[in-house]
């Protein structure tokens, strides 16, 4: 609707503005040109109305997350973002940047990492885990990040008072009481 009607005239702009109070962008199946147009022309005009984002570096959208971060170097303008989904990232720096940026999202309640795989054995998964656990309103987390040769979940050193639902990749072993034990030390 944005691509078809935004900017045609003030009547269409008013209709779009009135009918779409909140935006949910699922960029996981979008052409590069449409993605660039939306990021350049539309996101800057209403970042405070975006409640959900889905970004992907999967086969049909390679480099999308880097492009998004170049258009939006800081997440602070997405003040009403409640859900963020990141798909198919294989860069520690990108995941660390994203989890650092999530700290500026005051309403983030759902964080999903899907099909993310980090191969470098020198990475510090503790930073990523602690960034996630320190999100003050995070309720649901899908932790689909696998670390090179690491079969155990890197336990957080921070206590999360908000996480109620946690889904961890099935290739990582973790006993249910391990998270609670690590938070009481």
C-alpha atoms as a PDB file:
ATOM      1  CA  UNK A   1       0.000   0.000   0.000  1.00  0.00           C
ATOM      2  CA  UNK A   2       2.825   2.388   0.778  1.00  0.00           C
ATOM      3  CA  UNK A   3       4.499   1.812  -2.573  1.00  0.00           C
ATOM      4  CA  UNK A   4       1.206   2.108  -4.453  1.00  0.00           C
ATOM      5  CA  UNK A   5      -0.453   5.080  -2.759  1.00  0.00           C
ATOM      6  CA  UNK A   6       1.953   7.085  -0.588  1.00  0.00           C
ATOM      7  CA  UNK A   7       2.835  10.427  -2.094  1.00  0.00           C
ATOM      8  CA  UNK A   8       0.129  10.388  -4.782  1.00  0.00           C
ATOM      9  CA  UNK A   9      -1.831  13.190  -3.156  1.00  0.00           C
ATOM     10  CA  UNK A  10      -2.771  14.543   0.263  1.00  0.00           C
ATOM     11  CA  UNK A  11      -6.026  12.537   0.353  1.00  0.00           C
ATOM     12  CA  UNK A  12      -4.212   9.193  -0.043  1.00  0.00           C
ATOM     13  CA  UNK A  13      -1.536  10.271   2.417  1.00  0.00           C
ATOM     14  CA  UNK A  14      -4.224  11.150   4.954  1.00  0.00           C
ATOM     15  CA  UNK A  15      -6.017   7.816   4.431  1.00  0.00           C
ATOM     16  CA  UNK A  16      -2.789   5.875   4.908  1.00  0.00           C
ATOM     17  CA  UNK A  17      -1.929   7.916   7.967  1.00  0.00           C
ATOM     18  CA  UNK A  18      -5.350   7.378   9.553  1.00  0.00           C
ATOM     19  CA  UNK A  19      -5.716   3.691   8.688  1.00  0.00           C
ATOM     20  CA  UNK A  20      -2.236   2.546   9.642  1.00  0.00           C
ATOM     21  CA  UNK A  21      -1.425   3.656  13.152  1.00  0.00           C
ATOM     22  CA  UNK A  22       1.107   0.838  13.563  1.00  0.00           C
ATOM     23  CA  UNK A  23       3.366  -0.835  11.045  1.00  0.00           C
ATOM     24  CA  UNK A  24       4.677  -4.379  10.892  1.00  0.00           C
ATOM     25  CA  UNK A  25       7.455  -4.845   8.339  1.00  0.00           C
ATOM     26  CA  UNK A  26       8.388  -8.366   7.306  1.00  0.00           C
ATOM     27  CA  UNK A  27      11.394  -7.882   5.074  1.00  0.00           C
ATOM     28  CA  UNK A  28      12.314 -11.560   4.797  1.00  0.00           C
ATOM     29  CA  UNK A  29      10.812 -11.914   1.291  1.00  0.00           C
ATOM     30  CA  UNK A  30      11.235  -8.607  -0.472  1.00  0.00           C
ATOM     31  CA  UNK A  31      13.208  -7.442  -3.474  1.00  0.00           C
ATOM     32  CA  UNK A  32      16.320  -5.365  -2.858  1.00  0.00           C
ATOM     33  CA  UNK A  33      14.855  -2.355  -4.691  1.00  0.00           C
ATOM     34  CA  UNK A  34      11.588  -2.438  -2.700  1.00  0.00           C
ATOM     35  CA  UNK A  35      13.551  -2.847   0.530  1.00  0.00           C
ATOM     36  CA  UNK A  36      15.788   0.136  -0.309  1.00  0.00           C
ATOM     37  CA  UNK A  37      12.776   2.288  -1.240  1.00  0.00           C
ATOM     38  CA  UNK A  38      10.956   1.514   2.002  1.00  0.00           C
ATOM     39  CA  UNK A  39      14.078   2.090   4.123  1.00  0.00           C
ATOM     40  CA  UNK A  40      14.952   5.356   2.389  1.00  0.00           C
ATOM     41  CA  UNK A  41      11.545   6.883   1.726  1.00  0.00           C
ATOM     42  CA  UNK A  42       9.109   5.555   4.317  1.00  0.00           C
ATOM     43  CA  UNK A  43      10.809   4.334   7.507  1.00  0.00           C
ATOM     44  CA  UNK A  44      12.285   7.759   8.317  1.00  0.00           C
ATOM     45  CA  UNK A  45       8.827   9.345   8.222  1.00  0.00           C
ATOM     46  CA  UNK A  46       7.206   7.142  10.898  1.00  0.00           C
ATOM     47  CA  UNK A  47       9.789   5.156  12.897  1.00  0.00           C
ATOM     48  CA  UNK A  48       7.759   5.704  16.067  1.00  0.00           C
ATOM     49  CA  UNK A  49       4.826   3.779  14.545  1.00  0.00           C
ATOM     50  CA  UNK A  50       6.711   0.587  13.751  1.00  0.00           C
ATOM     51  CA  UNK A  51       5.820  -2.197  16.182  1.00  0.00           C
ATOM     52  CA  UNK A  52       7.428  -5.205  14.465  1.00  0.00           C
ATOM     53  CA  UNK A  53      10.425  -5.800  12.204  1.00  0.00           C
ATOM     54  CA  UNK A  54      11.607  -8.974  10.539  1.00  0.00           C
ATOM     55  CA  UNK A  55      15.007  -8.845   8.837  1.00  0.00           C
ATOM     56  CA  UNK A  56      16.763 -11.642   6.992  1.00  0.00           C
ATOM     57  CA  UNK A  57      20.130 -12.471   5.491  1.00  0.00           C
ATOM     58  CA  UNK A  58      18.727 -15.656   3.976  1.00  0.00           C
ATOM     59  CA  UNK A  59      19.465 -16.728   0.384  1.00  0.00           C
ATOM     60  CA  UNK A  60      16.786 -14.517  -1.212  1.00  0.00           C
ATOM     61  CA  UNK A  61      17.750 -11.429   0.830  1.00  0.00           C
ATOM     62  CA  UNK A  62      21.549 -11.508   1.308  1.00  0.00           C
ATOM     63  CA  UNK A  63      23.102  -8.478   2.999  1.00  0.00           C
ATOM     64  CA  UNK A  64      19.722  -7.123   4.053  1.00  0.00           C
ATOM     65  CA  UNK A  65      20.618  -6.645   7.703  1.00  0.00           C
ATOM     66  CA  UNK A  66      23.794  -4.710   6.893  1.00  0.00           C
ATOM     67  CA  UNK A  67      21.752  -2.538   4.524  1.00  0.00           C
ATOM     68  CA  UNK A  68      19.136  -1.943   7.208  1.00  0.00           C
ATOM     69  CA  UNK A  69      21.831  -0.972   9.708  1.00  0.00           C
ATOM     70  CA  UNK A  70      23.364   1.428   7.182  1.00  0.00           C
ATOM     71  CA  UNK A  71      19.966   3.144   6.735  1.00  0.00           C
ATOM     72  CA  UNK A  72      19.240   3.023  10.482  1.00  0.00           C
ATOM     73  CA  UNK A  73      22.532   3.117  12.394  1.00  0.00           C
ATOM     74  CA  UNK A  74      20.641   3.432  15.659  1.00  0.00           C
ATOM     75  CA  UNK A  75      17.439   1.762  16.833  1.00  0.00           C
ATOM     76  CA  UNK A  76      16.567   4.588  19.254  1.00  0.00           C
ATOM     77  CA  UNK A  77      13.928   6.059  16.888  1.00  0.00           C
ATOM     78  CA  UNK A  78      11.886   2.812  16.940  1.00  0.00           C
ATOM     79  CA  UNK A  79      10.419   3.676  20.332  1.00  0.00           C
ATOM     80  CA  UNK A  80       7.324   1.490  19.962  1.00  0.00           C
ATOM     81  CA  UNK A  81       9.024  -1.566  18.486  1.00  0.00           C
ATOM     82  CA  UNK A  82       7.719  -4.607  20.353  1.00  0.00           C
ATOM     83  CA  UNK A  83       8.938  -7.460  18.175  1.00  0.00           C
ATOM     84  CA  UNK A  84      12.241  -7.973  16.370  1.00  0.00           C
ATOM     85  CA  UNK A  85      13.066 -11.070  14.328  1.00  0.00           C
ATOM     86  CA  UNK A  86      16.517 -11.674  12.864  1.00  0.00           C
ATOM     87  CA  UNK A  87      16.904 -14.537  10.382  1.00  0.00           C
ATOM     88  CA  UNK A  88      20.028 -16.279   9.090  1.00  0.00           C
ATOM     89  CA  UNK A  89      22.871 -14.135  10.396  1.00  0.00           C
ATOM     90  CA  UNK A  90      26.359 -15.608  10.399  1.00  0.00           C
ATOM     91  CA  UNK A  91      28.278 -12.574  11.669  1.00  0.00           C
ATOM     92  CA  UNK A  92      29.173 -12.110  15.321  1.00  0.00           C
ATOM     93  CA  UNK A  93      29.644  -8.363  14.794  1.00  0.00           C
ATOM     94  CA  UNK A  94      26.138  -7.990  13.367  1.00  0.00           C
ATOM     95  CA  UNK A  95      24.548  -9.992  16.190  1.00  0.00           C
ATOM     96  CA  UNK A  96      26.489  -8.023  18.789  1.00  0.00           C
ATOM     97  CA  UNK A  97      25.487  -4.741  17.132  1.00  0.00           C
ATOM     98  CA  UNK A  98      21.832  -5.781  17.072  1.00  0.00           C
ATOM     99  CA  UNK A  99      21.780  -6.924  20.697  1.00  0.00           C
ATOM    100  CA  UNK A 100      23.559  -3.705  21.718  1.00  0.00           C
ATOM    101  CA  UNK A 101      21.027  -1.650  19.735  1.00  0.00           C
ATOM    102  CA  UNK A 102      18.134  -3.500  21.391  1.00  0.00           C
ATOM    103  CA  UNK A 103      19.100  -1.751  24.622  1.00  0.00           C
ATOM    104  CA  UNK A 104      17.566   1.446  23.189  1.00  0.00           C
ATOM    105  CA  UNK A 105      14.185  -0.211  22.493  1.00  0.00           C
ATOM    106  CA  UNK A 106      12.051   0.567  25.548  1.00  0.00           C
ATOM    107  CA  UNK A 107       9.064  -1.584  24.489  1.00  0.00           C
ATOM    108  CA  UNK A 108      10.769  -4.657  23.060  1.00  0.00           C
ATOM    109  CA  UNK A 109       8.949  -7.733  24.388  1.00  0.00           C
ATOM    110  CA  UNK A 110       9.687 -10.328  21.680  1.00  0.00           C
ATOM    111  CA  UNK A 111      13.138 -11.085  20.315  1.00  0.00           C
ATOM    112  CA  UNK A 112      13.668 -13.874  17.810  1.00  0.00           C
ATOM    113  CA  UNK A 113      16.889 -15.165  16.303  1.00  0.00           C
ATOM    114  CA  UNK A 114      16.281 -17.866  13.708  1.00  0.00           C
ATOM    115  CA  UNK A 115      18.865 -19.961  11.839  1.00  0.00           C
ATOM    116  CA  UNK A 116      21.825 -17.924  13.051  1.00  0.00           C
ATOM    117  CA  UNK A 117      25.137 -19.752  13.090  1.00  0.00           C
ATOM    118  CA  UNK A 118      28.477 -18.347  14.213  1.00  0.00           C
ATOM    119  CA  UNK A 119      31.512 -20.327  13.112  1.00  0.00           C
ATOM    120  CA  UNK A 120      34.368 -18.351  14.656  1.00  0.00           C
ATOM    121  CA  UNK A 121      35.568 -20.196  17.741  1.00  0.00           C
ATOM    122  CA  UNK A 122      37.105 -17.028  19.220  1.00  0.00           C
ATOM    123  CA  UNK A 123      33.798 -15.233  19.787  1.00  0.00           C
ATOM    124  CA  UNK A 124      32.449 -14.307  23.180  1.00  0.00           C
ATOM    125  CA  UNK A 125      28.872 -15.538  23.325  1.00  0.00           C
ATOM    126  CA  UNK A 126      28.584 -14.128  26.860  1.00  0.00           C
ATOM    127  CA  UNK A 127      28.210 -10.560  25.545  1.00  0.00           C
ATOM    128  CA  UNK A 128      25.305 -11.493  23.279  1.00  0.00           C
ATOM    129  CA  UNK A 129      23.558 -13.536  25.986  1.00  0.00           C
ATOM    130  CA  UNK A 130      23.976 -10.811  28.618  1.00  0.00           C
ATOM    131  CA  UNK A 131      22.733  -8.141  26.198  1.00  0.00           C
ATOM    132  CA  UNK A 132      19.569 -10.175  25.674  1.00  0.00           C
ATOM    133  CA  UNK A 133      19.088 -10.931  29.376  1.00  0.00           C
ATOM    134  CA  UNK A 134      19.457  -7.243  30.252  1.00  0.00           C
ATOM    135  CA  UNK A 135      16.491  -6.137  28.130  1.00  0.00           C
ATOM    136  CA  UNK A 136      14.052  -4.805  30.742  1.00  0.00           C
ATOM    137  CA  UNK A 137      10.736  -5.717  29.066  1.00  0.00           C
ATOM    138  CA  UNK A 138      11.718  -8.808  27.105  1.00  0.00           C
ATOM    139  CA  UNK A 139       9.106 -11.521  27.681  1.00  0.00           C
ATOM    140  CA  UNK A 140       9.610 -13.962  24.790  1.00  0.00           C
ATOM    141  CA  UNK A 141      12.952 -14.965  23.334  1.00  0.00           C
ATOM    142  CA  UNK A 142      13.600 -17.473  20.586  1.00  0.00           C
ATOM    143  CA  UNK A 143      17.332 -18.111  20.772  1.00  0.00           C
ATOM    144  CA  UNK A 144      18.147 -19.786  17.475  1.00  0.00           C
ATOM    145  CA  UNK A 145      21.846 -18.900  17.554  1.00  0.00           C
ATOM    146  CA  UNK A 146      24.351 -21.707  17.347  1.00  0.00           C
ATOM    147  CA  UNK A 147      27.992 -21.133  18.215  1.00  0.00           C
ATOM    148  CA  UNK A 148      30.877 -23.019  16.615  1.00  0.00           C
ATOM    149  CA  UNK A 149      31.612 -26.296  18.417  1.00  0.00           C
ATOM    150  CA  UNK A 150      29.658 -25.171  21.444  1.00  0.00           C
ATOM    151  CA  UNK A 151      27.075 -27.713  22.467  1.00  0.00           C
ATOM    152  CA  UNK A 152      26.158 -26.061  25.744  1.00  0.00           C
ATOM    153  CA  UNK A 153      24.245 -22.861  26.221  1.00  0.00           C
ATOM    154  CA  UNK A 154      26.421 -20.023  27.486  1.00  0.00           C
ATOM    155  CA  UNK A 155      24.706 -19.184  30.746  1.00  0.00           C
ATOM    156  CA  UNK A 156      23.875 -15.530  31.428  1.00  0.00           C
ATOM    157  CA  UNK A 157      25.603 -13.711  34.249  1.00  0.00           C
ATOM    158  CA  UNK A 158      22.733 -11.231  34.461  1.00  0.00           C
ATOM    159  CA  UNK A 159      19.350 -11.915  36.016  1.00  0.00           C
ATOM    160  CA  UNK A 160      16.380 -11.279  33.752  1.00  0.00           C
ATOM    161  CA  UNK A 161      13.291 -10.262  35.656  1.00  0.00           C
ATOM    162  CA  UNK A 162      11.069 -10.232  32.590  1.00  0.00           C
ATOM    163  CA  UNK A 163      11.722 -13.309  30.404  1.00  0.00           C
ATOM    164  CA  UNK A 164       8.811 -15.725  30.695  1.00  0.00           C
ATOM    165  CA  UNK A 165       9.274 -17.775  27.526  1.00  0.00           C
ATOM    166  CA  UNK A 166      12.613 -18.996  26.202  1.00  0.00           C
ATOM    167  CA  UNK A 167      13.126 -21.282  23.224  1.00  0.00           C
ATOM    168  CA  UNK A 168      16.710 -22.413  22.658  1.00  0.00           C
ATOM    169  CA  UNK A 169      18.000 -24.137  19.516  1.00  0.00           C
ATOM    170  CA  UNK A 170      17.568 -27.883  19.768  1.00  0.00           C
ATOM    171  CA  UNK A 171      21.271 -28.458  19.046  1.00  0.00           C
ATOM    172  CA  UNK A 172      22.280 -26.907  22.361  1.00  0.00           C
ATOM    173  CA  UNK A 173      21.982 -28.874  25.560  1.00  0.00           C
ATOM    174  CA  UNK A 174      20.710 -27.208  28.698  1.00  0.00           C
ATOM    175  CA  UNK A 175      19.060 -28.464  31.811  1.00  0.00           C
ATOM    176  CA  UNK A 176      16.052 -26.472  32.913  1.00  0.00           C
ATOM    177  CA  UNK A 177      17.472 -25.567  36.315  1.00  0.00           C
ATOM    178  CA  UNK A 178      20.827 -24.326  34.951  1.00  0.00           C
ATOM    179  CA  UNK A 179      19.579 -20.827  34.146  1.00  0.00           C
ATOM    180  CA  UNK A 180      18.113 -20.357  37.604  1.00  0.00           C
ATOM    181  CA  UNK A 181      21.288 -21.671  39.223  1.00  0.00           C
ATOM    182  CA  UNK A 182      23.488 -19.318  37.214  1.00  0.00           C
ATOM    183  CA  UNK A 183      21.336 -16.334  38.207  1.00  0.00           C
ATOM    184  CA  UNK A 184      21.603 -17.039  41.924  1.00  0.00           C
ATOM    185  CA  UNK A 185      25.417 -17.036  42.024  1.00  0.00           C
END
